[in-house]
Amino acid sequence: MTSPISRGIARVIGEALGEHYYSHRVIEARCYESGLRGDPPDGNCSDKITMWVTREAEARPADIAAIVGRLIEAYMDGDGGRNPEGRVKISKILADHGLAYNRGGVIHGAGTSVPTRSLDDLLRQRAIPEIDKEFERALAFVEKDPPAAITAACAILEAFCRVYLQQAGIPAPSDQTAKNLWKLVADHIGFAPSHATDEGMKRIFSGFFAVVDGVSLLRNHDSSAHGREARPYLVLPRHARLAVHAAHTLVLFGLESWTVVPPPPFPGFPPPSVK
């Protein structure tokens, strides 16, 4: 696979961190703590970071975004020390490559699906803090805490449903599980299989319910929500990514449909058929 961290990105990071830390001993410690491996390259502080990140990007393209996120976390989340303008340069070079840094050492756009990147764009346009919080939490934990990411994947479904029901003026059910919330939203916005006139969409809408049910069950049995000692198998990042991407696809479609197909004027009004 192609590495999401180019030599150009590595160079900007190297220059910023090299000037910030200005100590080979500190830089080497930070690099090792972040997950960089092997012997430190020769050169000045900036060149050492640049060559080390570039080398690892070529050797481990699937892991390098998480490594770089950890490497720049303290610098990006702090005040920038003696080189605060470096934070701006890092943010710009990442944006130029379709990436973005988020607090906590998370680099968005690397290793995420198209639906997740599209949802990120949509959430940036619309101020929905309840949904945005769970979105950020899911991405932050996919690699370092998969069970917590699964919990966030289910939480973003629940958050979307609650926000929709509240703004549509529909009372939430007493049992506010993701499955019950989604059923109410689907009936109202037109996602129920019975609302579709096309057989293909009918089957996709049926699959929506299976996804919500599956993510909920995975959260209940295999996530951080109910303790980890009872997990029947090891939850890996790929399991978390599956749950997160599935949940994000549904929420993205829900937000887009909410914009394209206005909710009925009052609860109980027959929703339009979705073709």
Foldseek 3Di string as FASTA:
>chain_A
DQALQALVLQLLVLVLVCVQVVDPVVLVVLLVVLPQDDDFDDDGSSVSSSVSLNVVCVVPRLCSLQSVLSSCQVCLPDCSHPRNCSNVVSQVVQVVSVWGHDHLSFIPPRPADPLLSVLVVVCVVDPLVQLVVLSVQLRNQLAPFLLSNLVSLLSNLLSLLVVVCVVQVHDADPPSGSLRSVVQLCQFLVLALVLAPDPVSSVVSVVLSVLSVVSRVCNVAPHPPPDHPRHPDDRHSVNSSVSNNSSSNVSSVVVVSCVVQPTPNHPPDGGHRDD
